[in-house]
Amino acid sequence: MKDLAPTIYRQRLVIEGYPGDVKLLSAESIKSYLKQLSDVLKMKTLIEPVTHRSDSYGEAAWIHWETSGAHFYAWEMPIEFFSVDIYTCKEFDPADAVEFTRNYFKATEIAHKGF
């Protein structure tokens, strides 16, 4: 993909995995995760995490940072699965986000891609 704005720093990271405990996919647990992720990545939070529950799929959440934010999606069916999408204009270490996410959700398997 052509970088249309090379003078603007942007960093993206997608982390996906299978949680070790489905209780960790509750709205309260996801809010706690996003708050703690903000601290781990040293991001300034502008609002508390917002969540939405879909009876068809599971939880969705978002947190707004001064430098962009993170989205979280959790499925309970057809499988227990989560996906985190981090987008920011402030540099962060992807390994910190991946390790924190792996530990928080007790992930049995995790994958990630930065771009």
PDB file of N, CA and C in Angstrom:
ATOM      1  N   MET A   1       0.848  -1.164   0.000  1.00  0.00           N
ATOM      2  CA  MET A   1       0.000   0.000   0.000  1.00  0.00           C
ATOM      3  C   MET A   1       0.899   1.234   0.000  1.00  0.00           C
ATOM      4  N   LYS A   2       0.583   2.178  -0.828  1.00  0.00           N
ATOM      5  CA  LYS A   2       1.332   3.423  -0.902  1.00  0.00           C
ATOM      6  C   LYS A   2       1.048   4.266   0.344  1.00  0.00           C
ATOM      7  N   ASP A   3       2.103   4.818   0.933  1.00  0.00           N
ATOM      8  CA  ASP A   3       1.963   5.688   2.100  1.00  0.00           C
ATOM      9  C   ASP A   3       1.613   7.088   1.610  1.00  0.00           C
ATOM     10  N   LEU A   4       0.365   7.468   1.748  1.00  0.00           N
ATOM     11  CA  LEU A   4      -0.108   8.759   1.257  1.00  0.00           C
ATOM     12  C   LEU A   4       0.236   9.916   2.190  1.00  0.00           C
ATOM     13  N   ALA A   5       0.656   9.612   3.403  1.00  0.00           N
ATOM     14  CA  ALA A   5       0.992  10.667   4.367  1.00  0.00           C
ATOM     15  C   ALA A   5       2.271  10.290   5.119  1.00  0.00           C
ATOM     16  N   PRO A   6       3.409  10.277   4.439  1.00  0.00           N
ATOM     17  CA  PRO A   6       4.649   9.830   5.077  1.00  0.00           C
ATOM     18  C   PRO A   6       5.120  10.714   6.232  1.00  0.00           C
ATOM     19  N   THR A   7       4.623  11.921   6.334  1.00  0.00           N
ATOM     20  CA  THR A   7       5.032  12.808   7.432  1.00  0.00           C
ATOM     21  C   THR A   7       4.181  12.607   8.690  1.00  0.00           C
ATOM     22  N   ILE A   8       3.163  11.756   8.603  1.00  0.00           N
ATOM     23  CA  ILE A   8       2.310  11.459   9.758  1.00  0.00           C
ATOM     24  C   ILE A   8       2.614  10.035  10.217  1.00  0.00           C
ATOM     25  N   TYR A   9       3.080   9.898  11.465  1.00  0.00           N
ATOM     26  CA  TYR A   9       3.386   8.579  12.003  1.00  0.00           C
ATOM     27  C   TYR A   9       2.091   7.849  12.333  1.00  0.00           C
ATOM     28  N   ARG A  10       1.975   6.612  11.866  1.00  0.00           N
ATOM     29  CA  ARG A  10       0.848   5.746  12.198  1.00  0.00           C
ATOM     30  C   ARG A  10       1.365   4.344  12.470  1.00  0.00           C
ATOM     31  N   GLN A  11       0.783   3.695  13.473  1.00  0.00           N
ATOM     32  CA  GLN A  11       1.142   2.316  13.787  1.00  0.00           C
ATOM     33  C   GLN A  11      -0.132   1.534  14.055  1.00  0.00           C
ATOM     34  N   ARG A  12      -0.200   0.332  13.466  1.00  0.00           N
ATOM     35  CA  ARG A  12      -1.359  -0.542  13.647  1.00  0.00           C
ATOM     36  C   ARG A  12      -0.877  -1.915  14.106  1.00  0.00           C
ATOM     37  N   LEU A  13      -1.697  -2.540  14.935  1.00  0.00           N
ATOM     38  CA  LEU A  13      -1.405  -3.896  15.387  1.00  0.00           C
ATOM     39  C   LEU A  13      -2.722  -4.621  15.592  1.00  0.00           C
ATOM     40  N   VAL A  14      -2.822  -5.801  15.008  1.00  0.00           N
ATOM     41  CA  VAL A  14      -3.984  -6.667  15.213  1.00  0.00           C
ATOM     42  C   VAL A  14      -3.503  -7.886  15.995  1.00  0.00           C
ATOM     43  N   ILE A  15      -4.216  -8.191  17.072  1.00  0.00           N
ATOM     44  CA  ILE A  15      -3.911  -9.352  17.913  1.00  0.00           C
ATOM     45  C   ILE A  15      -5.177 -10.200  17.983  1.00  0.00           C
ATOM     46  N   GLU A  16      -5.046 -11.493  17.704  1.00  0.00           N
ATOM     47  CA  GLU A  16      -6.201 -12.393  17.763  1.00  0.00           C
ATOM     48  C   GLU A  16      -5.838 -13.640  18.548  1.00  0.00           C
ATOM     49  N   GLY A  17      -6.841 -14.223  19.191  1.00  0.00           N
ATOM     50  CA  GLY A  17      -6.547 -15.430  19.942  1.00  0.00           C
ATOM     51  C   GLY A  17      -7.769 -16.125  20.498  1.00  0.00           C
ATOM     52  N   TYR A  18      -7.482 -17.236  21.149  1.00  0.00           N
ATOM     53  CA  TYR A  18      -8.500 -18.032  21.828  1.00  0.00           C
ATOM     54  C   TYR A  18      -8.315 -17.840  23.332  1.00  0.00           C
ATOM     55  N   PRO A  19      -9.340 -17.361  24.029  1.00  0.00           N
ATOM     56  CA  PRO A  19      -9.193 -17.134  25.467  1.00  0.00           C
ATOM     57  C   PRO A  19      -9.137 -18.454  26.234  1.00  0.00           C
ATOM     58  N   GLY A  20      -8.355 -18.452  27.305  1.00  0.00           N
ATOM     59  CA  GLY A  20      -8.280 -19.638  28.157  1.00  0.00           C
ATOM     60  C   GLY A  20      -9.483 -19.778  29.075  1.00  0.00           C
ATOM     61  N   ASP A  21     -10.245 -18.691  29.238  1.00  0.00           N
ATOM     62  CA  ASP A  21     -11.422 -18.691  30.113  1.00  0.00           C
ATOM     63  C   ASP A  21     -12.462 -17.760  29.500  1.00  0.00           C
ATOM     64  N   VAL A  22     -13.614 -18.284  29.106  1.00  0.00           N
ATOM     65  CA  VAL A  22     -14.647 -17.485  28.439  1.00  0.00           C
ATOM     66  C   VAL A  22     -15.151 -16.350  29.330  1.00  0.00           C
ATOM     67  N   LYS A  23     -15.028 -16.483  30.650  1.00  0.00           N
ATOM     68  CA  LYS A  23     -15.463 -15.407  31.554  1.00  0.00           C
ATOM     69  C   LYS A  23     -14.678 -14.119  31.312  1.00  0.00           C
ATOM     70  N   LEU A  24     -13.493 -14.254  30.733  1.00  0.00           N
ATOM     71  CA  LEU A  24     -12.671 -13.080  30.443  1.00  0.00           C
ATOM     72  C   LEU A  24     -13.216 -12.270  29.270  1.00  0.00           C
ATOM     73  N   LEU A  25     -14.240 -12.786  28.586  1.00  0.00           N
ATOM     74  CA  LEU A  25     -14.851 -12.066  27.466  1.00  0.00           C
ATOM     75  C   LEU A  25     -16.100 -11.303  27.893  1.00  0.00           C
ATOM     76  N   SER A  26     -16.268 -11.078  29.184  1.00  0.00           N
ATOM     77  CA  SER A  26     -17.403 -10.288  29.679  1.00  0.00           C
ATOM     78  C   SER A  26     -17.128  -8.802  29.448  1.00  0.00           C
ATOM     79  N   ALA A  27     -18.181  -8.002  29.451  1.00  0.00           N
ATOM     80  CA  ALA A  27     -18.037  -6.557  29.241  1.00  0.00           C
ATOM     81  C   ALA A  27     -17.100  -5.941  30.278  1.00  0.00           C
ATOM     82  N   GLU A  28     -17.260  -6.297  31.540  1.00  0.00           N
ATOM     83  CA  GLU A  28     -16.417  -5.713  32.593  1.00  0.00           C
ATOM     84  C   GLU A  28     -14.955  -6.112  32.435  1.00  0.00           C
ATOM     85  N   SER A  29     -14.714  -7.362  32.075  1.00  0.00           N
ATOM     86  CA  SER A  29     -13.345  -7.823  31.885  1.00  0.00           C
ATOM     87  C   SER A  29     -12.697  -7.121  30.690  1.00  0.00           C
ATOM     88  N   ILE A  30     -13.467  -6.931  29.624  1.00  0.00           N
ATOM     89  CA  ILE A  30     -12.937  -6.257  28.436  1.00  0.00           C
ATOM     90  C   ILE A  30     -12.638  -4.790  28.742  1.00  0.00           C
ATOM     91  N   LYS A  31     -13.510  -4.131  29.497  1.00  0.00           N
ATOM     92  CA  LYS A  31     -13.242  -2.741  29.905  1.00  0.00           C
ATOM     93  C   LYS A  31     -11.940  -2.670  30.702  1.00  0.00           C
ATOM     94  N   SER A  32     -11.773  -3.592  31.630  1.00  0.00           N
ATOM     95  CA  SER A  32     -10.554  -3.625  32.437  1.00  0.00           C
ATOM     96  C   SER A  32      -9.327  -3.853  31.557  1.00  0.00           C
ATOM     97  N   TYR A  33      -9.445  -4.765  30.604  1.00  0.00           N
ATOM     98  CA  TYR A  33      -8.343  -5.026  29.670  1.00  0.00           C
ATOM     99  C   TYR A  33      -7.949  -3.756  28.923  1.00  0.00           C
ATOM    100  N   LEU A  34      -8.923  -3.051  28.362  1.00  0.00           N
ATOM    101  CA  LEU A  34      -8.614  -1.852  27.582  1.00  0.00           C
ATOM    102  C   LEU A  34      -7.991  -0.757  28.450  1.00  0.00           C
ATOM    103  N   LYS A  35      -8.459  -0.609  29.678  1.00  0.00           N
ATOM    104  CA  LYS A  35      -7.850   0.373  30.592  1.00  0.00           C
ATOM    105  C   LYS A  35      -6.396   0.004  30.885  1.00  0.00           C
ATOM    106  N   GLN A  36      -6.167  -1.267  31.179  1.00  0.00           N
ATOM    107  CA  GLN A  36      -4.805  -1.709  31.487  1.00  0.00           C
ATOM    108  C   GLN A  36      -3.902  -1.656  30.259  1.00  0.00           C
ATOM    109  N   LEU A  37      -4.451  -1.979  29.082  1.00  0.00           N
ATOM    110  CA  LEU A  37      -3.679  -1.882  27.842  1.00  0.00           C
ATOM    111  C   LEU A  37      -3.203  -0.449  27.634  1.00  0.00           C
ATOM    112  N   SER A  38      -4.052   0.511  27.948  1.00  0.00           N
ATOM    113  CA  SER A  38      -3.675   1.925  27.837  1.00  0.00           C
ATOM    114  C   SER A  38      -2.446   2.218  28.687  1.00  0.00           C
ATOM    115  N   ASP A  39      -2.417   1.689  29.894  1.00  0.00           N
ATOM    116  CA  ASP A  39      -1.270   1.893  30.783  1.00  0.00           C
ATOM    117  C   ASP A  39      -0.026   1.187  30.253  1.00  0.00           C
ATOM    118  N   VAL A  40      -0.192  -0.052  29.804  1.00  0.00           N
ATOM    119  CA  VAL A  40       0.939  -0.827  29.284  1.00  0.00           C
ATOM    120  C   VAL A  40       1.596  -0.100  28.112  1.00  0.00           C
ATOM    121  N   LEU A  41       0.783   0.484  27.232  1.00  0.00           N
ATOM    122  CA  LEU A  41       1.312   1.160  26.039  1.00  0.00           C
ATOM    123  C   LEU A  41       1.584   2.642  26.272  1.00  0.00           C
ATOM    124  N   LYS A  42       1.319   3.108  27.490  1.00  0.00           N
ATOM    125  CA  LYS A  42       1.539   4.513  27.868  1.00  0.00           C
ATOM    126  C   LYS A  42       0.735   5.471  26.987  1.00  0.00           C
ATOM    127  N   MET A  43      -0.548   5.130  26.813  1.00  0.00           N
ATOM    128  CA  MET A  43      -1.462   5.961  26.033  1.00  0.00           C
ATOM    129  C   MET A  43      -2.337   6.781  26.977  1.00  0.00           C
ATOM    130  N   LYS A  44      -2.620   8.005  26.595  1.00  0.00           N
ATOM    131  CA  LYS A  44      -3.483   8.879  27.387  1.00  0.00           C
ATOM    132  C   LYS A  44      -4.938   8.607  27.007  1.00  0.00           C
ATOM    133  N   THR A  45      -5.716   8.131  27.977  1.00  0.00           N
ATOM    134  CA  THR A  45      -7.123   7.807  27.763  1.00  0.00           C
ATOM    135  C   THR A  45      -7.973   9.071  27.829  1.00  0.00           C
ATOM    136  N   LEU A  46      -8.856   9.250  26.844  1.00  0.00           N
ATOM    137  CA  LEU A  46      -9.748  10.407  26.820  1.00  0.00           C
ATOM    138  C   LEU A  46     -11.128  10.089  27.377  1.00  0.00           C
ATOM    139  N   ILE A  47     -11.608   8.855  27.181  1.00  0.00           N
ATOM    140  CA  ILE A  47     -12.897   8.432  27.728  1.00  0.00           C
ATOM    141  C   ILE A  47     -12.772   6.991  28.218  1.00  0.00           C
ATOM    142  N   GLU A  48     -13.665   6.614  29.095  1.00  0.00           N
ATOM    143  CA  GLU A  48     -13.714   5.230  29.563  1.00  0.00           C
ATOM    144  C   GLU A  48     -14.113   4.324  28.388  1.00  0.00           C
ATOM    145  N   PRO A  49     -13.724   3.056  28.425  1.00  0.00           N
ATOM    146  CA  PRO A  49     -14.109   2.145  27.350  1.00  0.00           C
ATOM    147  C   PRO A  49     -15.630   2.063  27.180  1.00  0.00           C
ATOM    148  N   VAL A  50     -16.051   1.949  25.938  1.00  0.00           N
ATOM    149  CA  VAL A  50     -17.462   1.803  25.576  1.00  0.00           C
ATOM    150  C   VAL A  50     -17.653   0.370  25.096  1.00  0.00           C
ATOM    151  N   THR A  51     -18.720  -0.302  25.565  1.00  0.00           N
ATOM    152  CA  THR A  51     -18.976  -1.679  25.138  1.00  0.00           C
ATOM    153  C   THR A  51     -20.375  -1.817  24.549  1.00  0.00           C
ATOM    154  N   HIS A  52     -20.530  -2.853  23.749  1.00  0.00           N
ATOM    155  CA  HIS A  52     -21.834  -3.193  23.173  1.00  0.00           C
ATOM    156  C   HIS A  52     -21.919  -4.708  23.093  1.00  0.00           C
ATOM    157  N   ARG A  53     -23.052  -5.242  23.456  1.00  0.00           N
ATOM    158  CA  ARG A  53     -23.262  -6.693  23.404  1.00  0.00           C
ATOM    159  C   ARG A  53     -24.218  -7.049  22.279  1.00  0.00           C
ATOM    160  N   SER A  54     -23.820  -8.013  21.480  1.00  0.00           N
ATOM    161  CA  SER A  54     -24.671  -8.568  20.436  1.00  0.00           C
ATOM    162  C   SER A  54     -25.012  -9.998  20.827  1.00  0.00           C
ATOM    163  N   ASP A  55     -26.295 -10.310  20.907  1.00  0.00           N
ATOM    164  CA  ASP A  55     -26.697 -11.677  21.244  1.00  0.00           C
ATOM    165  C   ASP A  55     -26.299 -12.666  20.154  1.00  0.00           C
ATOM    166  N   SER A  56     -26.080 -12.168  18.950  1.00  0.00           N
ATOM    167  CA  SER A  56     -25.698 -13.046  17.844  1.00  0.00           C
ATOM    168  C   SER A  56     -24.213 -13.392  17.855  1.00  0.00           C
ATOM    169  N   TYR A  57     -23.375 -12.478  18.385  1.00  0.00           N
ATOM    170  CA  TYR A  57     -21.933 -12.691  18.274  1.00  0.00           C
ATOM    171  C   TYR A  57     -21.190 -12.619  19.601  1.00  0.00           C
ATOM    172  N   GLY A  58     -21.401 -11.574  20.374  1.00  0.00           N
ATOM    173  CA  GLY A  58     -20.662 -11.401  21.622  1.00  0.00           C
ATOM    174  C   GLY A  58     -20.423  -9.930  21.902  1.00  0.00           C
ATOM    175  N   GLU A  59     -19.308  -9.629  22.533  1.00  0.00           N
ATOM    176  CA  GLU A  59     -19.001  -8.269  22.968  1.00  0.00           C
ATOM    177  C   GLU A  59     -18.159  -7.517  21.943  1.00  0.00           C
ATOM    178  N   ALA A  60     -18.353  -6.207  21.915  1.00  0.00           N
ATOM    179  CA  ALA A  60     -17.490  -5.301  21.161  1.00  0.00           C
ATOM    180  C   ALA A  60     -17.183  -4.130  22.088  1.00  0.00           C
ATOM    181  N   ALA A  61     -15.997  -3.562  21.951  1.00  0.00           N
ATOM    182  CA  ALA A  61     -15.615  -2.447  22.817  1.00  0.00           C
ATOM    183  C   ALA A  61     -14.628  -1.544  22.101  1.00  0.00           C
ATOM    184  N   TRP A  62     -14.519  -0.319  22.626  1.00  0.00           N
ATOM    185  CA  TRP A  62     -13.620   0.671  22.048  1.00  0.00           C
ATOM    186  C   TRP A  62     -13.137   1.596  23.148  1.00  0.00           C
ATOM    187  N   ILE A  63     -11.886   2.010  23.040  1.00  0.00           N
ATOM    188  CA  ILE A  63     -11.346   3.024  23.943  1.00  0.00           C
ATOM    189  C   ILE A  63     -10.688   4.109  23.105  1.00  0.00           C
ATOM    190  N   HIS A  64     -10.916   5.348  23.497  1.00  0.00           N
ATOM    191  CA  HIS A  64     -10.376   6.493  22.762  1.00  0.00           C
ATOM    192  C   HIS A  64      -9.141   7.019  23.477  1.00  0.00           C
ATOM    193  N   TRP A  65      -8.043   7.095  22.737  1.00  0.00           N
ATOM    194  CA  TRP A  65      -6.806   7.661  23.254  1.00  0.00           C
ATOM    195  C   TRP A  65      -6.561   9.008  22.593  1.00  0.00           C
ATOM    196  N   GLU A  66      -5.739   9.808  23.211  1.00  0.00           N
ATOM    197  CA  GLU A  66      -5.361  11.090  22.620  1.00  0.00           C
ATOM    198  C   GLU A  66      -4.737  10.869  21.240  1.00  0.00           C
ATOM    199  N   THR A  67      -4.071   9.742  21.084  1.00  0.00           N
ATOM    200  CA  THR A  67      -3.377   9.436  19.831  1.00  0.00           C
ATOM    201  C   THR A  67      -4.101   8.392  18.986  1.00  0.00           C
ATOM    202  N   SER A  68      -5.358   8.181  19.165  1.00  0.00           N
ATOM    203  CA  SER A  68      -6.245   7.296  18.396  1.00  0.00           C
ATOM    204  C   SER A  68      -6.991   6.350  19.320  1.00  0.00           C
ATOM    205  N   GLY A  69      -6.771   5.007  19.226  1.00  0.00           N
ATOM    206  CA  GLY A  69      -7.524   4.130  20.103  1.00  0.00           C
ATOM    207  C   GLY A  69      -7.380   2.663  19.773  1.00  0.00           C
ATOM    208  N   ALA A  70      -8.221   1.861  20.418  1.00  0.00           N
ATOM    209  CA  ALA A  70      -8.212   0.415  20.217  1.00  0.00           C
ATOM    210  C   ALA A  70      -9.649  -0.101  20.199  1.00  0.00           C
ATOM    211  N   HIS A  71      -9.894  -1.067  19.328  1.00  0.00           N
ATOM    212  CA  HIS A  71     -11.182  -1.758  19.244  1.00  0.00           C
ATOM    213  C   HIS A  71     -10.976  -3.198  19.695  1.00  0.00           C
ATOM    214  N   PHE A  72     -11.991  -3.749  20.337  1.00  0.00           N
ATOM    215  CA  PHE A  72     -11.941  -5.127  20.807  1.00  0.00           C
ATOM    216  C   PHE A  72     -13.222  -5.825  20.375  1.00  0.00           C
ATOM    217  N   TYR A  73     -13.078  -7.029  19.852  1.00  0.00           N
ATOM    218  CA  TYR A  73     -14.232  -7.828  19.432  1.00  0.00           C
ATOM    219  C   TYR A  73     -14.098  -9.218  20.038  1.00  0.00           C
ATOM    220  N   ALA A  74     -15.202  -9.747  20.578  1.00  0.00           N
ATOM    221  CA  ALA A  74     -15.193 -11.077  21.184  1.00  0.00           C
ATOM    222  C   ALA A  74     -16.365 -11.888  20.653  1.00  0.00           C
ATOM    223  N   TRP A  75     -16.076 -13.089  20.214  1.00  0.00           N
ATOM    224  CA  TRP A  75     -17.110 -14.016  19.762  1.00  0.00           C
ATOM    225  C   TRP A  75     -17.263 -15.116  20.798  1.00  0.00           C
ATOM    226  N   GLU A  76     -18.484 -15.522  21.012  1.00  0.00           N
ATOM    227  CA  GLU A  76     -18.753 -16.678  21.862  1.00  0.00           C
ATOM    228  C   GLU A  76     -19.174 -17.864  21.006  1.00  0.00           C
ATOM    229  N   MET A  77     -19.653 -17.566  19.794  1.00  0.00           N
ATOM    230  CA  MET A  77     -20.025 -18.617  18.857  1.00  0.00           C
ATOM    231  C   MET A  77     -19.756 -18.136  17.444  1.00  0.00           C
ATOM    232  N   PRO A  78     -19.377 -18.941  16.559  1.00  0.00           N
ATOM    233  CA  PRO A  78     -19.326 -20.403  16.654  1.00  0.00           C
ATOM    234  C   PRO A  78     -18.169 -20.916  17.512  1.00  0.00           C
ATOM    235  N   ILE A  79     -17.180 -20.022  17.816  1.00  0.00           N
ATOM    236  CA  ILE A  79     -16.092 -20.406  18.713  1.00  0.00           C
ATOM    237  C   ILE A  79     -15.799 -19.235  19.650  1.00  0.00           C
ATOM    238  N   GLU A  80     -15.133 -19.526  20.757  1.00  0.00           N
ATOM    239  CA  GLU A  80     -14.682 -18.469  21.663  1.00  0.00           C
ATOM    240  C   GLU A  80     -13.392 -17.899  21.081  1.00  0.00           C
ATOM    241  N   PHE A  81     -13.426 -16.597  20.744  1.00  0.00           N
ATOM    242  CA  PHE A  81     -12.346 -15.978  19.974  1.00  0.00           C
ATOM    243  C   PHE A  81     -12.353 -14.477  20.233  1.00  0.00           C
ATOM    244  N   PHE A  82     -11.181 -13.846  20.215  1.00  0.00           N
ATOM    245  CA  PHE A  82     -11.128 -12.385  20.347  1.00  0.00           C
ATOM    246  C   PHE A  82     -10.190 -11.784  19.308  1.00  0.00           C
ATOM    247  N   SER A  83     -10.443 -10.523  19.001  1.00  0.00           N
ATOM    248  CA  SER A  83      -9.623  -9.773  18.057  1.00  0.00           C
ATOM    249  C   SER A  83      -9.485  -8.345  18.576  1.00  0.00           C
ATOM    250  N   VAL A  84      -8.253  -7.863  18.649  1.00  0.00           N
ATOM    251  CA  VAL A  84      -7.954  -6.506  19.108  1.00  0.00           C
ATOM    252  C   VAL A  84      -7.313  -5.757  17.952  1.00  0.00           C
ATOM    253  N   ASP A  85      -7.782  -4.548  17.695  1.00  0.00           N
ATOM    254  CA  ASP A  85      -7.244  -3.713  16.623  1.00  0.00           C
ATOM    255  C   ASP A  85      -6.759  -2.404  17.248  1.00  0.00           C
ATOM    256  N   ILE A  86      -5.445  -2.221  17.275  1.00  0.00           N
ATOM    257  CA  ILE A  86      -4.843  -1.023  17.870  1.00  0.00           C
ATOM    258  C   ILE A  86      -4.364  -0.121  16.739  1.00  0.00           C
ATOM    259  N   TYR A  87      -4.745   1.141  16.798  1.00  0.00           N
ATOM    260  CA  TYR A  87      -4.299   2.126  15.806  1.00  0.00           C
ATOM    261  C   TYR A  87      -3.893   3.378  16.554  1.00  0.00           C
ATOM    262  N   THR A  88      -2.681   3.849  16.317  1.00  0.00           N
ATOM    263  CA  THR A  88      -2.214   5.028  17.037  1.00  0.00           C
ATOM    264  C   THR A  88      -1.199   5.822  16.228  1.00  0.00           C
ATOM    265  N   CYS A  89      -1.111   7.083  16.533  1.00  0.00           N
ATOM    266  CA  CYS A  89      -0.117   7.974  15.934  1.00  0.00           C
ATOM    267  C   CYS A  89       1.076   8.134  16.870  1.00  0.00           C
ATOM    268  N   LYS A  90       1.132   7.332  17.917  1.00  0.00           N
ATOM    269  CA  LYS A  90       2.237   7.332  18.876  1.00  0.00           C
ATOM    270  C   LYS A  90       2.888   5.956  18.844  1.00  0.00           C
ATOM    271  N   GLU A  91       4.191   5.922  18.761  1.00  0.00           N
ATOM    272  CA  GLU A  91       4.911   4.657  18.691  1.00  0.00           C
ATOM    273  C   GLU A  91       4.753   3.859  19.989  1.00  0.00           C
ATOM    274  N   PHE A  92       4.632   2.546  19.833  1.00  0.00           N
ATOM    275  CA  PHE A  92       4.589   1.634  20.981  1.00  0.00           C
ATOM    276  C   PHE A  92       5.277   0.337  20.583  1.00  0.00           C
ATOM    277  N   ASP A  93       5.632  -0.464  21.565  1.00  0.00           N
ATOM    278  CA  ASP A  93       6.291  -1.744  21.316  1.00  0.00           C
ATOM    279  C   ASP A  93       5.222  -2.827  21.163  1.00  0.00           C
ATOM    280  N   PRO A  94       5.076  -3.397  19.968  1.00  0.00           N
ATOM    281  CA  PRO A  94       4.063  -4.434  19.757  1.00  0.00           C
ATOM    282  C   PRO A  94       4.216  -5.622  20.711  1.00  0.00           C
ATOM    283  N   ALA A  95       5.446  -5.962  21.057  1.00  0.00           N
ATOM    284  CA  ALA A  95       5.670  -7.106  21.953  1.00  0.00           C
ATOM    285  C   ALA A  95       5.003  -6.883  23.311  1.00  0.00           C
ATOM    286  N   ASP A  96       4.992  -5.635  23.783  1.00  0.00           N
ATOM    287  CA  ASP A  96       4.334  -5.335  25.060  1.00  0.00           C
ATOM    288  C   ASP A  96       2.834  -5.606  24.973  1.00  0.00           C
ATOM    289  N   ALA A  97       2.212  -5.178  23.872  1.00  0.00           N
ATOM    290  CA  ALA A  97       0.769  -5.378  23.682  1.00  0.00           C
ATOM    291  C   ALA A  97       0.433  -6.860  23.552  1.00  0.00           C
ATOM    292  N   VAL A  98       1.234  -7.580  22.790  1.00  0.00           N
ATOM    293  CA  VAL A  98       0.977  -9.007  22.568  1.00  0.00           C
ATOM    294  C   VAL A  98       1.131  -9.790  23.873  1.00  0.00           C
ATOM    295  N   GLU A  99       2.204  -9.542  24.597  1.00  0.00           N
ATOM    296  CA  GLU A  99       2.446 -10.280  25.840  1.00  0.00           C
ATOM    297  C   GLU A  99       1.375  -9.980  26.888  1.00  0.00           C
ATOM    298  N   PHE A 100       1.017  -8.701  27.018  1.00  0.00           N
ATOM    299  CA  PHE A 100      -0.035  -8.339  27.969  1.00  0.00           C
ATOM    300  C   PHE A 100      -1.351  -9.026  27.597  1.00  0.00           C
ATOM    301  N   THR A 101      -1.707  -9.001  26.324  1.00  0.00           N
ATOM    302  CA  THR A 101      -2.958  -9.607  25.854  1.00  0.00           C
ATOM    303  C   THR A 101      -2.951 -11.115  26.089  1.00  0.00           C
ATOM    304  N   ARG A 102      -1.839 -11.759  25.758  1.00  0.00           N
ATOM    305  CA  ARG A 102      -1.709 -13.213  25.975  1.00  0.00           C
ATOM    306  C   ARG A 102      -1.948 -13.558  27.449  1.00  0.00           C
ATOM    307  N   ASN A 103      -1.315 -12.820  28.330  1.00  0.00           N
ATOM    308  CA  ASN A 103      -1.435 -13.098  29.763  1.00  0.00           C
ATOM    309  C   ASN A 103      -2.815 -12.748  30.306  1.00  0.00           C
ATOM    310  N   TYR A 104      -3.357 -11.611  29.903  1.00  0.00           N
ATOM    311  CA  TYR A 104      -4.649 -11.168  30.429  1.00  0.00           C
ATOM    312  C   TYR A 104      -5.752 -12.174  30.101  1.00  0.00           C
ATOM    313  N   PHE A 105      -5.783 -12.626  28.850  1.00  0.00           N
ATOM    314  CA  PHE A 105      -6.845 -13.543  28.420  1.00  0.00           C
ATOM    315  C   PHE A 105      -6.462 -15.010  28.567  1.00  0.00           C
ATOM    316  N   LYS A 106      -5.278 -15.272  29.145  1.00  0.00           N
ATOM    317  CA  LYS A 106      -4.808 -16.651  29.315  1.00  0.00           C
ATOM    318  C   LYS A 106      -4.945 -17.405  27.995  1.00  0.00           C
ATOM    319  N   ALA A 107      -4.528 -16.735  26.924  1.00  0.00           N
ATOM    320  CA  ALA A 107      -4.745 -17.248  25.566  1.00  0.00           C
ATOM    321  C   ALA A 107      -4.085 -18.605  25.362  1.00  0.00           C
ATOM    322  N   THR A 108      -4.859 -19.524  24.799  1.00  0.00           N
ATOM    323  CA  THR A 108      -4.325 -20.845  24.477  1.00  0.00           C
ATOM    324  C   THR A 108      -3.559 -20.805  23.161  1.00  0.00           C
ATOM    325  N   GLU A 109      -3.891 -19.830  22.319  1.00  0.00           N
ATOM    326  CA  GLU A 109      -3.164 -19.580  21.071  1.00  0.00           C
ATOM    327  C   GLU A 109      -3.372 -18.112  20.719  1.00  0.00           C
ATOM    328  N   ILE A 110      -2.328 -17.487  20.176  1.00  0.00           N
ATOM    329  CA  ILE A 110      -2.417 -16.069  19.836  1.00  0.00           C
ATOM    330  C   ILE A 110      -1.633 -15.809  18.553  1.00  0.00           C
ATOM    331  N   ALA A 111      -2.114 -14.866  17.759  1.00  0.00           N
ATOM    332  CA  ALA A 111      -1.427 -14.455  16.532  1.00  0.00           C
ATOM    333  C   ALA A 111      -1.502 -12.935  16.460  1.00  0.00           C
ATOM    334  N   HIS A 112      -0.533 -12.333  15.775  1.00  0.00           N
ATOM    335  CA  HIS A 112      -0.549 -10.870  15.662  1.00  0.00           C
ATOM    336  C   HIS A 112       0.139 -10.432  14.376  1.00  0.00           C
ATOM    337  N   LYS A 113      -0.231  -9.234  13.938  1.00  0.00           N
ATOM    338  CA  LYS A 113       0.396  -8.655  12.753  1.00  0.00           C
ATOM    339  C   LYS A 113       0.401  -7.142  12.907  1.00  0.00           C
ATOM    340  N   GLY A 114       1.552  -6.558  12.709  1.00  0.00           N
ATOM    341  CA  GLY A 114       1.675  -5.108  12.750  1.00  0.00           C
ATOM    342  C   GLY A 114       1.898  -4.557  11.359  1.00  0.00           C
ATOM    343  N   PHE A 115       1.422  -3.358  11.160  1.00  0.00           N
ATOM    344  CA  PHE A 115       1.666  -2.681   9.884  1.00  0.00           C
ATOM    345  C   PHE A 115       1.451  -1.200  10.044  1.00  0.00           C
TER     346      PHE A 115
END
